[in-house]
PDB file of all heavy atoms in Angstrom:
ATOM      1  N   GLU A   1      92.391 173.231  67.217  1.00  0.00           N
ATOM      2  CA  GLU A   1      92.453 174.592  67.740  1.00  0.00           C
ATOM      3  C   GLU A   1      93.239 174.653  69.039  1.00  0.00           C
ATOM      4  O   GLU A   1      93.319 173.672  69.783  1.00  0.00           O
ATOM      5  CB  GLU A   1      91.043 175.150  67.997  1.00  0.00           C
ATOM      6  CG  GLU A   1      90.127 175.156  66.790  1.00  0.00           C
ATOM      7  CD  GLU A   1      89.114 174.037  66.846  1.00  0.00           C
ATOM      8  OE1 GLU A   1      89.452 172.951  67.381  1.00  0.00           O
ATOM      9  OE2 GLU A   1      87.987 174.234  66.369  1.00  0.00           O
ATOM     10  N   SER A   2      93.783 175.834  69.314  1.00  0.00           N
ATOM     11  CA  SER A   2      94.440 176.111  70.576  1.00  0.00           C
ATOM     12  C   SER A   2      94.356 177.610  70.847  1.00  0.00           C
ATOM     13  O   SER A   2      94.026 178.389  69.954  1.00  0.00           O
ATOM     14  CB  SER A   2      95.895 175.651  70.568  1.00  0.00           C
ATOM     15  OG  SER A   2      96.648 176.362  69.597  1.00  0.00           O
ATOM     16  N   GLY A   3      94.655 178.007  72.076  1.00  0.00           N
ATOM     17  CA  GLY A   3      94.699 179.415  72.428  1.00  0.00           C
ATOM     18  C   GLY A   3      93.502 179.934  73.189  1.00  0.00           C
ATOM     19  O   GLY A   3      93.500 181.093  73.624  1.00  0.00           O
ATOM     20  N   GLY A   4      92.480 179.111  73.367  1.00  0.00           N
ATOM     21  CA  GLY A   4      91.321 179.541  74.125  1.00  0.00           C
ATOM     22  C   GLY A   4      91.645 179.662  75.599  1.00  0.00           C
ATOM     23  O   GLY A   4      92.687 179.215  76.074  1.00  0.00           O
ATOM     24  N   GLY A   5      90.739 180.275  76.333  1.00  0.00           N
ATOM     25  CA  GLY A   5      90.931 180.462  77.754  1.00  0.00           C
ATOM     26  C   GLY A   5      90.085 181.600  78.271  1.00  0.00           C
ATOM     27  O   GLY A   5      89.051 181.927  77.683  1.00  0.00           O
ATOM     28  N   SER A   6      90.529 182.194  79.367  1.00  0.00           N
ATOM     29  CA  SER A   6      89.800 183.280  80.012  1.00  0.00           C
ATOM     30  C   SER A   6      90.524 184.605  79.834  1.00  0.00           C
ATOM     31  O   SER A   6      91.753 184.654  79.798  1.00  0.00           O
ATOM     32  CB  SER A   6      89.626 182.992  81.504  1.00  0.00           C
ATOM     33  OG  SER A   6      88.872 181.816  81.717  1.00  0.00           O
ATOM     34  N   ALA A   7      89.742 185.669  79.728  1.00  0.00           N
ATOM     35  CA  ALA A   7      90.283 187.014  79.615  1.00  0.00           C
ATOM     36  C   ALA A   7      89.328 187.999  80.259  1.00  0.00           C
ATOM     37  O   ALA A   7      88.131 187.728  80.382  1.00  0.00           O
ATOM     38  CB  ALA A   7      90.521 187.387  78.153  1.00  0.00           C
ATOM     39  N   GLN A   8      89.858 189.133  80.676  1.00  0.00           N
ATOM     40  CA  GLN A   8      89.035 190.204  81.215  1.00  0.00           C
ATOM     41  C   GLN A   8      88.504 191.074  80.084  1.00  0.00           C
ATOM     42  O   GLN A   8      89.089 191.108  78.994  1.00  0.00           O
ATOM     43  CB  GLN A   8      89.840 191.070  82.183  1.00  0.00           C
ATOM     44  CG  GLN A   8      90.312 190.358  83.426  1.00  0.00           C
ATOM     45  CD  GLN A   8      90.973 191.301  84.396  1.00  0.00           C
ATOM     46  OE1 GLN A   8      90.373 191.688  85.408  1.00  0.00           O
ATOM     47  NE2 GLN A   8      92.191 191.694  84.086  1.00  0.00           N
ATOM     48  N   PRO A   9      87.393 191.760  80.306  1.00  0.00           N
ATOM     49  CA  PRO A   9      86.928 192.711  79.290  1.00  0.00           C
ATOM     50  C   PRO A   9      88.038 193.684  78.910  1.00  0.00           C
ATOM     51  O   PRO A   9      88.736 194.217  79.772  1.00  0.00           O
ATOM     52  CB  PRO A   9      85.770 193.424  79.983  1.00  0.00           C
ATOM     53  CG  PRO A   9      85.253 192.414  80.955  1.00  0.00           C
ATOM     54  CD  PRO A   9      86.478 191.692  81.455  1.00  0.00           C
ATOM     55  N   GLY A  10      88.201 193.896  77.612  1.00  0.00           N
ATOM     56  CA  GLY A  10      89.271 194.739  77.114  1.00  0.00           C
ATOM     57  C   GLY A  10      90.557 194.000  76.834  1.00  0.00           C
ATOM     58  O   GLY A  10      91.476 194.575  76.231  1.00  0.00           O
ATOM     59  N   GLY A  11      90.637 192.735  77.233  1.00  0.00           N
ATOM     60  CA  GLY A  11      91.823 191.942  77.029  1.00  0.00           C
ATOM     61  C   GLY A  11      91.891 191.327  75.644  1.00  0.00           C
ATOM     62  O   GLY A  11      91.047 191.587  74.783  1.00  0.00           O
ATOM     63  N   SER A  12      92.907 190.469  75.438  1.00  0.00           N
ATOM     64  CA  SER A  12      93.150 189.864  74.135  1.00  0.00           C
ATOM     65  C   SER A  12      93.432 188.380  74.258  1.00  0.00           C
ATOM     66  O   SER A  12      93.963 187.908  75.270  1.00  0.00           O
ATOM     67  CB  SER A  12      94.340 190.532  73.437  1.00  0.00           C
ATOM     68  OG  SER A  12      94.104 191.903  73.187  1.00  0.00           O
ATOM     69  N   LEU A  13      93.069 187.647  73.218  1.00  0.00           N
ATOM     70  CA  LEU A  13      93.414 186.248  73.058  1.00  0.00           C
ATOM     71  C   LEU A  13      93.726 186.002  71.590  1.00  0.00           C
ATOM     72  O   LEU A  13      93.196 186.695  70.716  1.00  0.00           O
ATOM     73  CB  LEU A  13      92.281 185.317  73.495  1.00  0.00           C
ATOM     74  CG  LEU A  13      91.981 185.193  74.987  1.00  0.00           C
ATOM     75  CD1 LEU A  13      90.703 184.375  75.191  1.00  0.00           C
ATOM     76  CD2 LEU A  13      93.137 184.537  75.717  1.00  0.00           C
ATOM     77  N   ARG A  14      94.568 185.011  71.324  1.00  0.00           N
ATOM     78  CA  ARG A  14      94.892 184.629  69.955  1.00  0.00           C
ATOM     79  C   ARG A  14      94.619 183.142  69.790  1.00  0.00           C
ATOM     80  O   ARG A  14      95.241 182.312  70.458  1.00  0.00           O
ATOM     81  CB  ARG A  14      96.348 184.939  69.626  1.00  0.00           C
ATOM     82  CG  ARG A  14      96.714 184.708  68.151  1.00  0.00           C
ATOM     83  CD  ARG A  14      98.160 185.105  67.868  1.00  0.00           C
ATOM     84  NE  ARG A  14      98.525 184.937  66.467  1.00  0.00           N
ATOM     85  CZ  ARG A  14      98.385 185.873  65.539  1.00  0.00           C
ATOM     86  NH1 ARG A  14      97.891 187.064  65.865  1.00  0.00           N
ATOM     87  NH2 ARG A  14      98.743 185.633  64.278  1.00  0.00           N
ATOM     88  N   LEU A  15      93.693 182.810  68.902  1.00  0.00           N
ATOM     89  CA  LEU A  15      93.356 181.430  68.605  1.00  0.00           C
ATOM     90  C   LEU A  15      94.136 180.963  67.380  1.00  0.00           C
ATOM     91  O   LEU A  15      94.326 181.721  66.431  1.00  0.00           O
ATOM     92  CB  LEU A  15      91.861 181.266  68.334  1.00  0.00           C
ATOM     93  CG  LEU A  15      90.893 181.791  69.393  1.00  0.00           C
ATOM     94  CD1 LEU A  15      89.457 181.485  68.977  1.00  0.00           C
ATOM     95  CD2 LEU A  15      91.203 181.189  70.755  1.00  0.00           C
ATOM     96  N   SER A  16      94.572 179.703  67.413  1.00  0.00           N
ATOM     97  CA  SER A  16      95.285 179.117  66.290  1.00  0.00           C
ATOM     98  C   SER A  16      94.637 177.801  65.900  1.00  0.00           C
ATOM     99  O   SER A  16      94.135 177.071  66.752  1.00  0.00           O
ATOM    100  CB  SER A  16      96.761 178.892  66.629  1.00  0.00           C
ATOM    101  OG  SER A  16      97.436 180.117  66.827  1.00  0.00           O
ATOM    102  N   CYS A  17      94.672 177.505  64.620  1.00  0.00           N
ATOM    103  CA  CYS A  17      94.130 176.259  64.080  1.00  0.00           C
ATOM    104  C   CYS A  17      95.165 175.661  63.148  1.00  0.00           C
ATOM    105  O   CYS A  17      95.536 176.282  62.148  1.00  0.00           O
ATOM    106  CB  CYS A  17      92.820 176.537  63.334  1.00  0.00           C
ATOM    107  SG  CYS A  17      92.143 175.121  62.436  1.00  0.00           S
ATOM    108  N   VAL A  18      95.629 174.459  63.486  1.00  0.00           N
ATOM    109  CA  VAL A  18      96.617 173.763  62.674  1.00  0.00           C
ATOM    110  C   VAL A  18      95.907 172.760  61.773  1.00  0.00           C
ATOM    111  O   VAL A  18      95.103 171.956  62.247  1.00  0.00           O
ATOM    112  CB  VAL A  18      97.664 173.055  63.546  1.00  0.00           C
ATOM    113  CG1 VAL A  18      98.649 172.287  62.670  1.00  0.00           C
ATOM    114  CG2 VAL A  18      98.406 174.065  64.407  1.00  0.00           C
ATOM    115  N   VAL A  19      96.206 172.817  60.488  1.00  0.00           N
ATOM    116  CA  VAL A  19      95.574 171.948  59.501  1.00  0.00           C
ATOM    117  C   VAL A  19      96.508 170.809  59.149  1.00  0.00           C
ATOM    118  O   VAL A  19      97.662 171.031  58.778  1.00  0.00           O
ATOM    119  CB  VAL A  19      95.217 172.730  58.225  1.00  0.00           C
ATOM    120  CG1 VAL A  19      94.490 171.830  57.234  1.00  0.00           C
ATOM    121  CG2 VAL A  19      94.376 173.952  58.552  1.00  0.00           C
ATOM    122  N   SER A  20      96.010 169.581  59.255  1.00  0.00           N
ATOM    123  CA  SER A  20      96.763 168.398  58.876  1.00  0.00           C
ATOM    124  C   SER A  20      96.052 167.697  57.729  1.00  0.00           C
ATOM    125  O   SER A  20      94.832 167.756  57.611  1.00  0.00           O
ATOM    126  CB  SER A  20      96.919 167.440  60.058  1.00  0.00           C
ATOM    127  OG  SER A  20      97.614 168.048  61.126  1.00  0.00           O
ATOM    128  N   GLY A  21      96.825 166.999  56.900  1.00  0.00           N
ATOM    129  CA  GLY A  21      96.256 166.296  55.772  1.00  0.00           C
ATOM    130  C   GLY A  21      96.268 167.149  54.519  1.00  0.00           C
ATOM    131  O   GLY A  21      96.816 168.241  54.479  1.00  0.00           O
ATOM    132  N   SER A  22      95.619 166.647  53.492  1.00  0.00           N
ATOM    133  CA  SER A  22      95.584 167.325  52.202  1.00  0.00           C
ATOM    134  C   SER A  22      94.692 168.558  52.234  1.00  0.00           C
ATOM    135  O   SER A  22      93.560 168.508  52.715  1.00  0.00           O
ATOM    136  CB  SER A  22      95.098 166.365  51.119  1.00  0.00           C
ATOM    137  OG  SER A  22      94.982 167.025  49.870  1.00  0.00           O
ATOM    138  N   ILE A  23      95.204 169.671  51.703  1.00  0.00           N
ATOM    139  CA  ILE A  23      94.432 170.909  51.642  1.00  0.00           C
ATOM    140  C   ILE A  23      93.978 171.220  50.224  1.00  0.00           C
ATOM    141  O   ILE A  23      93.440 172.298  49.960  1.00  0.00           O
ATOM    142  CB  ILE A  23      95.235 172.100  52.193  1.00  0.00           C
ATOM    143  CG1 ILE A  23      96.494 172.335  51.336  1.00  0.00           C
ATOM    144  CG2 ILE A  23      95.607 171.875  53.645  1.00  0.00           C
ATOM    145  CD1 ILE A  23      97.241 173.605  51.689  1.00  0.00           C
ATOM    146  N   SER A  24      94.163 170.290  49.317  1.00  0.00           N
ATOM    147  CA  SER A  24      93.877 170.535  47.908  1.00  0.00           C
ATOM    148  C   SER A  24      92.408 170.848  47.643  1.00  0.00           C
ATOM    149  O   SER A  24      92.087 171.537  46.672  1.00  0.00           O
ATOM    150  CB  SER A  24      94.322 169.348  47.060  1.00  0.00           C
ATOM    151  OG  SER A  24      93.626 168.164  47.420  1.00  0.00           O
ATOM    152  N   ASN A  25      91.510 170.350  48.482  1.00  0.00           N
ATOM    153  CA  ASN A  25      90.082 170.559  48.281  1.00  0.00           C
ATOM    154  C   ASN A  25      89.488 171.629  49.188  1.00  0.00           C
ATOM    155  O   ASN A  25      88.268 171.792  49.231  1.00  0.00           O
ATOM    156  CB  ASN A  25      89.317 169.251  48.483  1.00  0.00           C
ATOM    157  CG  ASN A  25      89.691 168.203  47.451  1.00  0.00           C
ATOM    158  OD1 ASN A  25      90.069 167.081  47.797  1.00  0.00           O
ATOM    159  ND2 ASN A  25      89.593 168.569  46.179  1.00  0.00           N
ATOM    160  N   ILE A  26      90.340 172.353  49.929  1.00  0.00           N
ATOM    161  CA  ILE A  26      89.878 173.430  50.803  1.00  0.00           C
ATOM    162  C   ILE A  26      89.926 174.746  50.041  1.00  0.00           C
ATOM    163  O   ILE A  26      90.980 175.168  49.575  1.00  0.00           O
ATOM    164  CB  ILE A  26      90.726 173.519  52.076  1.00  0.00           C
ATOM    165  CG1 ILE A  26      90.604 172.233  52.890  1.00  0.00           C
ATOM    166  CG2 ILE A  26      90.300 174.727  52.916  1.00  0.00           C
ATOM    167  CD1 ILE A  26      91.478 172.201  54.119  1.00  0.00           C
ATOM    168  N   ASN A  27      88.781 175.401  49.923  1.00  0.00           N
ATOM    169  CA  ASN A  27      88.686 176.659  49.194  1.00  0.00           C
ATOM    170  C   ASN A  27      88.513 177.874  50.094  1.00  0.00           C
ATOM    171  O   ASN A  27      88.703 179.003  49.653  1.00  0.00           O
ATOM    172  CB  ASN A  27      87.526 176.603  48.198  1.00  0.00           C
ATOM    173  CG  ASN A  27      87.629 175.439  47.246  1.00  0.00           C
ATOM    174  OD1 ASN A  27      86.755 174.564  47.213  1.00  0.00           O
ATOM    175  ND2 ASN A  27      88.700 175.392  46.481  1.00  0.00           N
TER     176      ASN A  27
END
C-alpha cells in the first residue's frame, strides 16, 4: 500500500495497492 498520511476534515487522500505475483487465485 501507499498514499496514506494526514488530511484535514473535508480533505482527500488516494490509497493505492500494488499486487505482485500470481493473481490467478484472487477472486
